[in-house]
Amino acid sequence: MKVENLAKAISDKNRVRIINYLIKSSQKVSAISDKLEMEENLTSHHLRVLQTLGYLKSQKRGREVIYSINRSKFISNIKDLLRNKFFKEIIEEITELENSKKSTKSRKSSS
């Protein structure tokens, strides 16, 4: 099931850090390792996990592999979450809370 794959992808803080870094641009393993201050073999492990789950795309350029986010996979999984009644309610609740915070901030700044 896709929900389990998403959970596995974000269950490790290093994978979340990699995802956040790759949102900005495609990168090679060494650049990711350097930026996140992780050992290259550990970075490669997490990249393989994310790629196996379908959340990353890779492109070989000579000897180097360039990784990028597979946005369509994330979008597909979020749509699946929204089809699940429980997750849909949670997401709606979060959205309402965020909108309430924005409304409160807006009222305070106009006072």
C-alpha atoms as a PDB file:
ATOM      1  CA  MET A   1       0.000   0.000   0.000  1.00  0.00           C
ATOM      2  CA  LYS A   2       1.191   3.479  -0.819  1.00  0.00           C
ATOM      3  CA  VAL A   3       0.572   4.889   2.652  1.00  0.00           C
ATOM      4  CA  GLU A   4       3.054   2.431   4.148  1.00  0.00           C
ATOM      5  CA  ASN A   5       5.633   3.414   1.532  1.00  0.00           C
ATOM      6  CA  LEU A   6       5.194   7.073   2.386  1.00  0.00           C
ATOM      7  CA  ALA A   7       5.541   6.257   6.084  1.00  0.00           C
ATOM      8  CA  LYS A   8       8.738   4.320   5.400  1.00  0.00           C
ATOM      9  CA  ALA A   9      10.140   7.159   3.304  1.00  0.00           C
ATOM     10  CA  ILE A  10       9.670   9.767   6.030  1.00  0.00           C
ATOM     11  CA  SER A  11      10.283   7.519   9.044  1.00  0.00           C
ATOM     12  CA  ASP A  12      13.987   8.357   9.120  1.00  0.00           C
ATOM     13  CA  LYS A  13      15.178  11.885   9.834  1.00  0.00           C
ATOM     14  CA  ASN A  14      18.033  11.561   7.339  1.00  0.00           C
ATOM     15  CA  ARG A  15      15.619  10.648   4.547  1.00  0.00           C
ATOM     16  CA  VAL A  16      13.486  13.667   5.433  1.00  0.00           C
ATOM     17  CA  ARG A  17      16.608  15.850   5.340  1.00  0.00           C
ATOM     18  CA  ILE A  18      17.524  14.441   1.923  1.00  0.00           C
ATOM     19  CA  ILE A  19      14.006  15.077   0.599  1.00  0.00           C
ATOM     20  CA  ASN A  20      14.092  18.660   1.904  1.00  0.00           C
ATOM     21  CA  TYR A  21      17.471  19.250   0.283  1.00  0.00           C
ATOM     22  CA  LEU A  22      16.493  17.737  -3.063  1.00  0.00           C
ATOM     23  CA  ILE A  23      13.335  19.854  -3.232  1.00  0.00           C
ATOM     24  CA  LYS A  24      15.598  22.784  -4.112  1.00  0.00           C
ATOM     25  CA  SER A  25      17.505  21.052  -6.939  1.00  0.00           C
ATOM     26  CA  SER A  26      18.852  17.785  -8.281  1.00  0.00           C
ATOM     27  CA  GLN A  27      22.151  16.748  -6.707  1.00  0.00           C
ATOM     28  CA  LYS A  28      24.834  14.097  -6.823  1.00  0.00           C
ATOM     29  CA  VAL A  29      25.563  11.857  -3.837  1.00  0.00           C
ATOM     30  CA  SER A  30      28.725  13.675  -2.771  1.00  0.00           C
ATOM     31  CA  ALA A  31      26.969  17.070  -2.760  1.00  0.00           C
ATOM     32  CA  ILE A  32      24.136  15.664  -0.649  1.00  0.00           C
ATOM     33  CA  SER A  33      26.605  14.054   1.761  1.00  0.00           C
ATOM     34  CA  ASP A  34      28.625  17.249   2.096  1.00  0.00           C
ATOM     35  CA  LYS A  35      25.618  19.519   2.580  1.00  0.00           C
ATOM     36  CA  LEU A  36      23.940  17.243   5.134  1.00  0.00           C
ATOM     37  CA  GLU A  37      27.219  16.270   6.797  1.00  0.00           C
ATOM     38  CA  MET A  38      26.540  12.549   6.385  1.00  0.00           C
ATOM     39  CA  GLU A  39      28.864   9.733   5.425  1.00  0.00           C
ATOM     40  CA  GLU A  40      28.592   9.039   1.699  1.00  0.00           C
ATOM     41  CA  ASN A  41      27.725   5.352   2.220  1.00  0.00           C
ATOM     42  CA  LEU A  42      24.891   6.284   4.590  1.00  0.00           C
ATOM     43  CA  THR A  43      23.647   8.885   2.123  1.00  0.00           C
ATOM     44  CA  SER A  44      23.741   6.294  -0.669  1.00  0.00           C
ATOM     45  CA  HIS A  45      21.772   3.860   1.477  1.00  0.00           C
ATOM     46  CA  HIS A  46      18.992   6.385   2.128  1.00  0.00           C
ATOM     47  CA  LEU A  47      18.952   7.449  -1.525  1.00  0.00           C
ATOM     48  CA  ARG A  48      18.513   3.798  -2.557  1.00  0.00           C
ATOM     49  CA  VAL A  49      15.632   3.365  -0.109  1.00  0.00           C
ATOM     50  CA  LEU A  50      13.904   6.495  -1.417  1.00  0.00           C
ATOM     51  CA  GLN A  51      14.512   5.507  -5.037  1.00  0.00           C
ATOM     52  CA  THR A  52      13.272   1.936  -4.472  1.00  0.00           C
ATOM     53  CA  LEU A  53      10.085   3.372  -2.956  1.00  0.00           C
ATOM     54  CA  GLY A  54       9.719   5.574  -6.041  1.00  0.00           C
ATOM     55  CA  TYR A  55      10.247   8.953  -4.365  1.00  0.00           C
ATOM     56  CA  LEU A  56      13.455   9.772  -6.227  1.00  0.00           C
ATOM     57  CA  LYS A  57      14.484   9.747  -9.848  1.00  0.00           C
ATOM     58  CA  SER A  58      18.072   9.223 -10.878  1.00  0.00           C
ATOM     59  CA  GLN A  59      20.030  10.099 -13.962  1.00  0.00           C
ATOM     60  CA  LYS A  60      23.511   8.851 -14.713  1.00  0.00           C
ATOM     61  CA  ARG A  61      25.991  11.469 -15.912  1.00  0.00           C
ATOM     62  CA  GLY A  62      29.269   9.757 -16.619  1.00  0.00           C
ATOM     63  CA  ARG A  63      30.326   8.122 -13.360  1.00  0.00           C
ATOM     64  CA  GLU A  64      27.985  10.205 -11.236  1.00  0.00           C
ATOM     65  CA  VAL A  65      24.335   9.658 -10.432  1.00  0.00           C
ATOM     66  CA  ILE A  66      22.159  12.748 -10.070  1.00  0.00           C
ATOM     67  CA  TYR A  67      19.096  12.394  -7.836  1.00  0.00           C
ATOM     68  CA  SER A  68      15.917  14.430  -7.958  1.00  0.00           C
ATOM     69  CA  ILE A  69      12.495  14.334  -6.317  1.00  0.00           C
ATOM     70  CA  ASN A  70       9.746  12.377  -8.059  1.00  0.00           C
ATOM     71  CA  ARG A  71       6.999  14.909  -7.322  1.00  0.00           C
ATOM     72  CA  SER A  72       4.318  12.869  -9.060  1.00  0.00           C
ATOM     73  CA  LYS A  73       4.875  10.026  -6.560  1.00  0.00           C
ATOM     74  CA  PHE A  74       4.388  12.359  -3.597  1.00  0.00           C
ATOM     75  CA  ILE A  75       1.297  13.899  -5.206  1.00  0.00           C
ATOM     76  CA  SER A  76      -0.149  10.454  -5.895  1.00  0.00           C
ATOM     77  CA  ASN A  77       0.415   9.374  -2.294  1.00  0.00           C
ATOM     78  CA  ILE A  78      -1.126  12.519  -0.855  1.00  0.00           C
ATOM     79  CA  LYS A  79      -4.173  11.985  -3.082  1.00  0.00           C
ATOM     80  CA  ASP A  80      -4.374   8.430  -1.711  1.00  0.00           C
ATOM     81  CA  LEU A  81      -4.257   9.814   1.828  1.00  0.00           C
ATOM     82  CA  LEU A  82      -7.132  12.149   0.993  1.00  0.00           C
ATOM     83  CA  ARG A  83      -9.211   9.157  -0.176  1.00  0.00           C
ATOM     84  CA  ASN A  84      -8.812   7.581   3.265  1.00  0.00           C
ATOM     85  CA  LYS A  85     -11.517   8.922   5.599  1.00  0.00           C
ATOM     86  CA  PHE A  86      -9.270   9.083   8.678  1.00  0.00           C
ATOM     87  CA  PHE A  87      -6.378  10.878   6.964  1.00  0.00           C
ATOM     88  CA  LYS A  88      -8.765  13.187   5.121  1.00  0.00           C
ATOM     89  CA  GLU A  89     -10.282  14.286   8.437  1.00  0.00           C
ATOM     90  CA  ILE A  90      -6.827  14.842   9.955  1.00  0.00           C
ATOM     91  CA  ILE A  91      -5.656  16.884   6.955  1.00  0.00           C
ATOM     92  CA  GLU A  92      -8.856  18.963   7.034  1.00  0.00           C
ATOM     93  CA  GLU A  93      -8.366  19.562  10.756  1.00  0.00           C
ATOM     94  CA  ILE A  94      -4.788  20.715  10.182  1.00  0.00           C
ATOM     95  CA  THR A  95      -5.938  23.007   7.369  1.00  0.00           C
ATOM     96  CA  GLU A  96      -8.601  24.540   9.616  1.00  0.00           C
ATOM     97  CA  LEU A  97      -6.046  25.134  12.377  1.00  0.00           C
ATOM     98  CA  GLU A  98      -3.641  26.778   9.929  1.00  0.00           C
ATOM     99  CA  ASN A  99      -6.385  28.993   8.514  1.00  0.00           C
ATOM    100  CA  SER A 100      -7.424  29.947  12.042  1.00  0.00           C
ATOM    101  CA  LYS A 101      -3.836  30.935  12.895  1.00  0.00           C
ATOM    102  CA  LYS A 102      -3.573  33.038   9.731  1.00  0.00           C
ATOM    103  CA  SER A 103      -6.857  34.734  10.513  1.00  0.00           C
ATOM    104  CA  THR A 104      -5.728  35.509  14.072  1.00  0.00           C
ATOM    105  CA  LYS A 105      -2.409  36.943  12.826  1.00  0.00           C
ATOM    106  CA  SER A 106      -4.224  39.045  10.255  1.00  0.00           C
ATOM    107  CA  ARG A 107      -6.574  40.502  12.875  1.00  0.00           C
ATOM    108  CA  LYS A 108      -3.668  41.278  15.223  1.00  0.00           C
ATOM    109  CA  SER A 109      -1.663  43.049  12.508  1.00  0.00           C
ATOM    110  CA  SER A 110      -4.622  45.216  11.467  1.00  0.00           C
ATOM    111  CA  SER A 111      -5.254  46.364  15.043  1.00  0.00           C
END
